């Protein structure tokens, strides 16, 4: 799995509560995993990292808006 450490700005863009609800864990645990304060060798942590990466990709991608 990726060893990306999410920055404070990136974490602000993510829906931490939604990830915590999906994985039935605390907001604090999700933040610690994203910051790299917790090990990422469990299925839970790997799922959080995968979904957070997907969410961030959606937020950062450029989209064309047609009016």
PDB file of N, CA and C in Angstrom:
ATOM      1  N   UNK A   1       0.848  -1.184   0.000  1.00  0.00           N
ATOM      2  CA  UNK A   1       0.000   0.000   0.000  1.00  0.00           C
ATOM      3  C   UNK A   1       0.879   1.228   0.000  1.00  0.00           C
ATOM      4  N   UNK A   2       0.309   2.301  -0.341  1.00  0.00           N
ATOM      5  CA  UNK A   2       1.030   3.553  -0.468  1.00  0.00           C
ATOM      6  C   UNK A   2       1.543   4.045   0.888  1.00  0.00           C
ATOM      7  N   UNK A   3       2.635   4.779   0.860  1.00  0.00           N
ATOM      8  CA  UNK A   3       3.186   5.342   2.090  1.00  0.00           C
ATOM      9  C   UNK A   3       2.955   6.842   2.142  1.00  0.00           C
ATOM     10  N   UNK A   4       1.992   7.335   1.379  1.00  0.00           N
ATOM     11  CA  UNK A   4       1.707   8.764   1.336  1.00  0.00           C
ATOM     12  C   UNK A   4       1.311   9.277   2.709  1.00  0.00           C
ATOM     13  N   UNK A   5       1.863  10.405   3.076  1.00  0.00           N
ATOM     14  CA  UNK A   5       1.465  11.131   4.278  1.00  0.00           C
ATOM     15  C   UNK A   5       0.636  12.312   3.804  1.00  0.00           C
ATOM     16  N   UNK A   6      -0.600  12.381   4.226  1.00  0.00           N
ATOM     17  CA  UNK A   6      -1.471  13.475   3.816  1.00  0.00           C
ATOM     18  C   UNK A   6      -1.117  14.734   4.605  1.00  0.00           C
ATOM     19  N   UNK A   7      -1.097  15.873   3.921  1.00  0.00           N
ATOM     20  CA  UNK A   7      -0.806  17.151   4.575  1.00  0.00           C
ATOM     21  C   UNK A   7      -2.069  17.658   5.272  1.00  0.00           C
ATOM     22  N   UNK A   8      -1.889  18.653   6.126  1.00  0.00           N
ATOM     23  CA  UNK A   8      -3.031  19.248   6.834  1.00  0.00           C
ATOM     24  C   UNK A   8      -4.043  19.816   5.850  1.00  0.00           C
ATOM     25  N   UNK A   9      -3.563  20.450   4.791  1.00  0.00           N
ATOM     26  CA  UNK A   9      -4.462  21.019   3.780  1.00  0.00           C
ATOM     27  C   UNK A   9      -5.247  19.915   3.066  1.00  0.00           C
ATOM     28  N   UNK A  10      -4.598  18.815   2.741  1.00  0.00           N
ATOM     29  CA  UNK A  10      -5.291  17.714   2.080  1.00  0.00           C
ATOM     30  C   UNK A  10      -6.334  17.099   3.012  1.00  0.00           C
ATOM     31  N   UNK A  11      -5.995  16.963   4.276  1.00  0.00           N
ATOM     32  CA  UNK A  11      -6.920  16.385   5.244  1.00  0.00           C
ATOM     33  C   UNK A  11      -8.156  17.271   5.401  1.00  0.00           C
ATOM     34  N   UNK A  12      -7.971  18.583   5.310  1.00  0.00           N
ATOM     35  CA  UNK A  12      -9.113  19.497   5.397  1.00  0.00           C
ATOM     36  C   UNK A  12     -10.085  19.286   4.251  1.00  0.00           C
ATOM     37  N   UNK A  13      -9.591  18.861   3.097  1.00  0.00           N
ATOM     38  CA  UNK A  13     -10.440  18.632   1.930  1.00  0.00           C
ATOM     39  C   UNK A  13     -11.216  17.317   2.006  1.00  0.00           C
ATOM     40  N   UNK A  14     -10.800  16.420   2.891  1.00  0.00           N
ATOM     41  CA  UNK A  14     -11.426  15.106   2.990  1.00  0.00           C
ATOM     42  C   UNK A  14     -12.577  15.108   3.991  1.00  0.00           C
ATOM     43  N   UNK A  15     -13.522  14.227   3.788  1.00  0.00           N
ATOM     44  CA  UNK A  15     -14.638  14.042   4.718  1.00  0.00           C
ATOM     45  C   UNK A  15     -14.242  12.941   5.718  1.00  0.00           C
ATOM     46  N   UNK A  16     -13.569  13.372   6.782  1.00  0.00           N
ATOM     47  CA  UNK A  16     -13.065  12.452   7.791  1.00  0.00           C
ATOM     48  C   UNK A  16     -14.211  11.681   8.444  1.00  0.00           C
ATOM     49  N   UNK A  17     -15.292  12.384   8.778  1.00  0.00           N
ATOM     50  CA  UNK A  17     -16.429  11.744   9.449  1.00  0.00           C
ATOM     51  C   UNK A  17     -17.050  10.652   8.575  1.00  0.00           C
ATOM     52  N   UNK A  18     -17.102  10.874   7.281  1.00  0.00           N
ATOM     53  CA  UNK A  18     -17.669   9.875   6.368  1.00  0.00           C
ATOM     54  C   UNK A  18     -16.797   8.617   6.339  1.00  0.00           C
ATOM     55  N   UNK A  19     -15.481   8.799   6.309  1.00  0.00           N
ATOM     56  CA  UNK A  19     -14.576   7.649   6.344  1.00  0.00           C
ATOM     57  C   UNK A  19     -14.707   6.896   7.664  1.00  0.00           C
ATOM     58  N   UNK A  20     -14.792   7.631   8.762  1.00  0.00           N
ATOM     59  CA  UNK A  20     -14.916   7.004  10.085  1.00  0.00           C
ATOM     60  C   UNK A  20     -16.227   6.215  10.172  1.00  0.00           C
ATOM     61  N   UNK A  21     -17.292   6.781   9.653  1.00  0.00           N
ATOM     62  CA  UNK A  21     -18.589   6.097   9.677  1.00  0.00           C
ATOM     63  C   UNK A  21     -18.551   4.839   8.812  1.00  0.00           C
ATOM     64  N   UNK A  22     -17.954   4.944   7.645  1.00  0.00           N
ATOM     65  CA  UNK A  22     -17.882   3.792   6.740  1.00  0.00           C
ATOM     66  C   UNK A  22     -17.118   2.638   7.375  1.00  0.00           C
ATOM     67  N   UNK A  23     -16.005   2.951   8.031  1.00  0.00           N
ATOM     68  CA  UNK A  23     -15.147   1.914   8.596  1.00  0.00           C
ATOM     69  C   UNK A  23     -15.415   1.645  10.077  1.00  0.00           C
ATOM     70  N   UNK A  24     -16.457   2.299  10.627  1.00  0.00           N
ATOM     71  CA  UNK A  24     -16.865   2.092  12.015  1.00  0.00           C
ATOM     72  C   UNK A  24     -15.702   2.276  12.994  1.00  0.00           C
ATOM     73  N   UNK A  25     -15.043   3.430  12.859  1.00  0.00           N
ATOM     74  CA  UNK A  25     -13.949   3.786  13.757  1.00  0.00           C
ATOM     75  C   UNK A  25     -14.070   5.278  14.081  1.00  0.00           C
ATOM     76  N   UNK A  26     -13.173   5.796  14.880  1.00  0.00           N
ATOM     77  CA  UNK A  26     -13.258   7.198  15.294  1.00  0.00           C
ATOM     78  C   UNK A  26     -12.624   8.129  14.261  1.00  0.00           C
ATOM     79  N   UNK A  27     -13.066   9.386  14.316  1.00  0.00           N
ATOM     80  CA  UNK A  27     -12.467  10.421  13.468  1.00  0.00           C
ATOM     81  C   UNK A  27     -10.978  10.535  13.768  1.00  0.00           C
ATOM     82  N   UNK A  28     -10.631  10.441  15.054  1.00  0.00           N
ATOM     83  CA  UNK A  28      -9.241  10.560  15.479  1.00  0.00           C
ATOM     84  C   UNK A  28      -8.379   9.460  14.851  1.00  0.00           C
ATOM     85  N   UNK A  29      -8.895   8.237  14.822  1.00  0.00           N
ATOM     86  CA  UNK A  29      -8.152   7.133  14.215  1.00  0.00           C
ATOM     87  C   UNK A  29      -7.896   7.407  12.734  1.00  0.00           C
ATOM     88  N   UNK A  30      -8.918   7.876  12.031  1.00  0.00           N
ATOM     89  CA  UNK A  30      -8.777   8.177  10.599  1.00  0.00           C
ATOM     90  C   UNK A  30      -7.700   9.238  10.400  1.00  0.00           C
ATOM     91  N   UNK A  31      -7.741  10.303  11.180  1.00  0.00           N
ATOM     92  CA  UNK A  31      -6.721  11.366  11.064  1.00  0.00           C
ATOM     93  C   UNK A  31      -5.321  10.831  11.330  1.00  0.00           C
ATOM     94  N   UNK A  32      -5.169   9.998  12.342  1.00  0.00           N
ATOM     95  CA  UNK A  32      -3.846   9.435  12.679  1.00  0.00           C
ATOM     96  C   UNK A  32      -3.303   8.551  11.560  1.00  0.00           C
ATOM     97  N   UNK A  33      -4.181   7.776  10.946  1.00  0.00           N
ATOM     98  CA  UNK A  33      -3.760   6.937   9.818  1.00  0.00           C
ATOM     99  C   UNK A  33      -3.311   7.818   8.658  1.00  0.00           C
ATOM    100  N   UNK A  34      -4.095   8.851   8.348  1.00  0.00           N
ATOM    101  CA  UNK A  34      -3.773   9.719   7.216  1.00  0.00           C
ATOM    102  C   UNK A  34      -2.473  10.493   7.443  1.00  0.00           C
ATOM    103  N   UNK A  35      -2.225  10.904   8.671  1.00  0.00           N
ATOM    104  CA  UNK A  35      -1.008  11.648   8.993  1.00  0.00           C
ATOM    105  C   UNK A  35       0.214  10.746   9.111  1.00  0.00           C
ATOM    106  N   UNK A  36      -0.001   9.438   9.247  1.00  0.00           N
ATOM    107  CA  UNK A  36       1.109   8.508   9.395  1.00  0.00           C
ATOM    108  C   UNK A  36       1.475   8.243  10.841  1.00  0.00           C
ATOM    109  N   UNK A  37       0.627   8.692  11.781  1.00  0.00           N
ATOM    110  CA  UNK A  37       0.883   8.455  13.198  1.00  0.00           C
ATOM    111  C   UNK A  37       0.541   7.033  13.621  1.00  0.00           C
ATOM    112  N   UNK A  38      -0.262   6.339  12.826  1.00  0.00           N
ATOM    113  CA  UNK A  38      -0.650   4.957  13.102  1.00  0.00           C
ATOM    114  C   UNK A  38      -0.126   4.064  11.989  1.00  0.00           C
ATOM    115  N   UNK A  39       0.118   2.817  12.334  1.00  0.00           N
ATOM    116  CA  UNK A  39       0.555   1.841  11.338  1.00  0.00           C
ATOM    117  C   UNK A  39      -0.527   1.660  10.284  1.00  0.00           C
ATOM    118  N   UNK A  40      -0.110   1.315   9.082  1.00  0.00           N
ATOM    119  CA  UNK A  40      -1.050   1.147   7.969  1.00  0.00           C
ATOM    120  C   UNK A  40      -1.024  -0.273   7.439  1.00  0.00           C
ATOM    121  N   UNK A  41      -0.700  -1.216   8.300  1.00  0.00           N
ATOM    122  CA  UNK A  41      -0.566  -2.593   7.840  1.00  0.00           C
ATOM    123  C   UNK A  41      -1.838  -3.421   8.041  1.00  0.00           C
ATOM    124  N   UNK A  42      -2.904  -2.819   8.559  1.00  0.00           N
ATOM    125  CA  UNK A  42      -4.163  -3.543   8.730  1.00  0.00           C
ATOM    126  C   UNK A  42      -5.079  -3.289   7.543  1.00  0.00           C
ATOM    127  N   UNK A  43      -6.057  -4.175   7.383  1.00  0.00           N
ATOM    128  CA  UNK A  43      -7.036  -3.979   6.309  1.00  0.00           C
ATOM    129  C   UNK A  43      -7.796  -2.678   6.504  1.00  0.00           C
ATOM    130  N   UNK A  44      -8.112  -2.364   7.748  1.00  0.00           N
ATOM    131  CA  UNK A  44      -8.840  -1.138   8.070  1.00  0.00           C
ATOM    132  C   UNK A  44      -8.059   0.093   7.613  1.00  0.00           C
ATOM    133  N   UNK A  45      -6.799   0.178   8.004  1.00  0.00           N
ATOM    134  CA  UNK A  45      -5.969   1.333   7.641  1.00  0.00           C
ATOM    135  C   UNK A  45      -5.753   1.405   6.128  1.00  0.00           C
ATOM    136  N   UNK A  46      -5.569   0.280   5.494  1.00  0.00           N
ATOM    137  CA  UNK A  46      -5.365   0.269   4.049  1.00  0.00           C
ATOM    138  C   UNK A  46      -6.622   0.719   3.312  1.00  0.00           C
ATOM    139  N   UNK A  47      -7.788   0.325   3.807  1.00  0.00           N
ATOM    140  CA  UNK A  47      -9.041   0.767   3.203  1.00  0.00           C
ATOM    141  C   UNK A  47      -9.224   2.271   3.346  1.00  0.00           C
ATOM    142  N   UNK A  48      -8.897   2.791   4.524  1.00  0.00           N
ATOM    143  CA  UNK A  48      -8.989   4.235   4.762  1.00  0.00           C
ATOM    144  C   UNK A  48      -8.060   4.976   3.811  1.00  0.00           C
ATOM    145  N   UNK A  49      -6.832   4.506   3.664  1.00  0.00           N
ATOM    146  CA  UNK A  49      -5.870   5.156   2.776  1.00  0.00           C
ATOM    147  C   UNK A  49      -6.341   5.118   1.323  1.00  0.00           C
ATOM    148  N   UNK A  50      -6.868   3.993   0.896  1.00  0.00           N
ATOM    149  CA  UNK A  50      -7.341   3.859  -0.490  1.00  0.00           C
ATOM    150  C   UNK A  50      -8.485   4.834  -0.760  1.00  0.00           C
ATOM    151  N   UNK A  51      -9.464   4.851   0.139  1.00  0.00           N
ATOM    152  CA  UNK A  51     -10.620   5.728  -0.061  1.00  0.00           C
ATOM    153  C   UNK A  51     -10.237   7.198   0.049  1.00  0.00           C
ATOM    154  N   UNK A  52      -9.341   7.531   0.965  1.00  0.00           N
ATOM    155  CA  UNK A  52      -8.899   8.921   1.109  1.00  0.00           C
ATOM    156  C   UNK A  52      -8.173   9.371  -0.162  1.00  0.00           C
ATOM    157  N   UNK A  53      -7.354   8.501  -0.722  1.00  0.00           N
ATOM    158  CA  UNK A  53      -6.662   8.826  -1.971  1.00  0.00           C
ATOM    159  C   UNK A  53      -7.641   9.041  -3.110  1.00  0.00           C
ATOM    160  N   UNK A  54      -8.669   8.200  -3.175  1.00  0.00           N
ATOM    161  CA  UNK A  54      -9.696   8.343  -4.210  1.00  0.00           C
ATOM    162  C   UNK A  54     -10.463   9.656  -4.033  1.00  0.00           C
ATOM    163  N   UNK A  55     -10.817   9.978  -2.777  1.00  0.00           N
ATOM    164  CA  UNK A  55     -11.542  11.224  -2.505  1.00  0.00           C
ATOM    165  C   UNK A  55     -10.699  12.434  -2.901  1.00  0.00           C
ATOM    166  N   UNK A  56      -9.440  12.414  -2.557  1.00  0.00           N
ATOM    167  CA  UNK A  56      -8.558  13.535  -2.862  1.00  0.00           C
ATOM    168  C   UNK A  56      -8.378  13.691  -4.373  1.00  0.00           C
ATOM    169  N   UNK A  57      -8.302  12.587  -5.085  1.00  0.00           N
ATOM    170  CA  UNK A  57      -8.176  12.649  -6.548  1.00  0.00           C
ATOM    171  C   UNK A  57      -9.391  13.327  -7.159  1.00  0.00           C
ATOM    172  N   UNK A  58     -10.566  13.049  -6.630  1.00  0.00           N
ATOM    173  CA  UNK A  58     -11.784  13.684  -7.130  1.00  0.00           C
ATOM    174  C   UNK A  58     -11.762  15.180  -6.841  1.00  0.00           C
ATOM    175  N   UNK A  59     -11.348  15.542  -5.641  1.00  0.00           N
ATOM    176  CA  UNK A  59     -11.319  16.953  -5.251  1.00  0.00           C
ATOM    177  C   UNK A  59     -10.312  17.738  -6.089  1.00  0.00           C
ATOM    178  N   UNK A  60      -9.176  17.126  -6.396  1.00  0.00           N
ATOM    179  CA  UNK A  60      -8.099  17.845  -7.078  1.00  0.00           C
ATOM    180  C   UNK A  60      -8.185  17.826  -8.596  1.00  0.00           C
ATOM    181  N   UNK A  61      -8.979  16.926  -9.159  1.00  0.00           N
ATOM    182  CA  UNK A  61      -9.007  16.848 -10.619  1.00  0.00           C
ATOM    183  C   UNK A  61      -9.691  18.068 -11.214  1.00  0.00           C
ATOM    184  N   UNK A  62      -9.258  18.401 -12.394  1.00  0.00           N
ATOM    185  CA  UNK A  62      -9.823  19.549 -13.097  1.00  0.00           C
ATOM    186  C   UNK A  62     -11.003  19.080 -13.927  1.00  0.00           C
ATOM    187  N   UNK A  63     -12.097  19.784 -13.786  1.00  0.00           N
ATOM    188  CA  UNK A  63     -13.282  19.420 -14.556  1.00  0.00           C
ATOM    189  C   UNK A  63     -13.693  20.595 -15.432  1.00  0.00           C
ATOM    190  N   UNK A  64     -14.254  20.273 -16.567  1.00  0.00           N
ATOM    191  CA  UNK A  64     -14.736  21.300 -17.484  1.00  0.00           C
ATOM    192  C   UNK A  64     -16.210  21.520 -17.210  1.00  0.00           C
ATOM    193  N   UNK A  65     -16.554  22.763 -16.970  1.00  0.00           N
ATOM    194  CA  UNK A  65     -17.950  23.112 -16.705  1.00  0.00           C
ATOM    195  C   UNK A  65     -18.505  23.801 -17.947  1.00  0.00           C
ATOM    196  N   UNK A  66     -19.558  23.232 -18.453  1.00  0.00           N
ATOM    197  CA  UNK A  66     -20.199  23.809 -19.637  1.00  0.00           C
ATOM    198  C   UNK A  66     -21.529  24.411 -19.217  1.00  0.00           C
ATOM    199  N   UNK A  67     -21.735  25.644 -19.564  1.00  0.00           N
ATOM    200  CA  UNK A  67     -22.993  26.323 -19.228  1.00  0.00           C
ATOM    201  C   UNK A  67     -23.893  26.419 -20.409  1.00  0.00           C
TER     202      UNK A  67
END
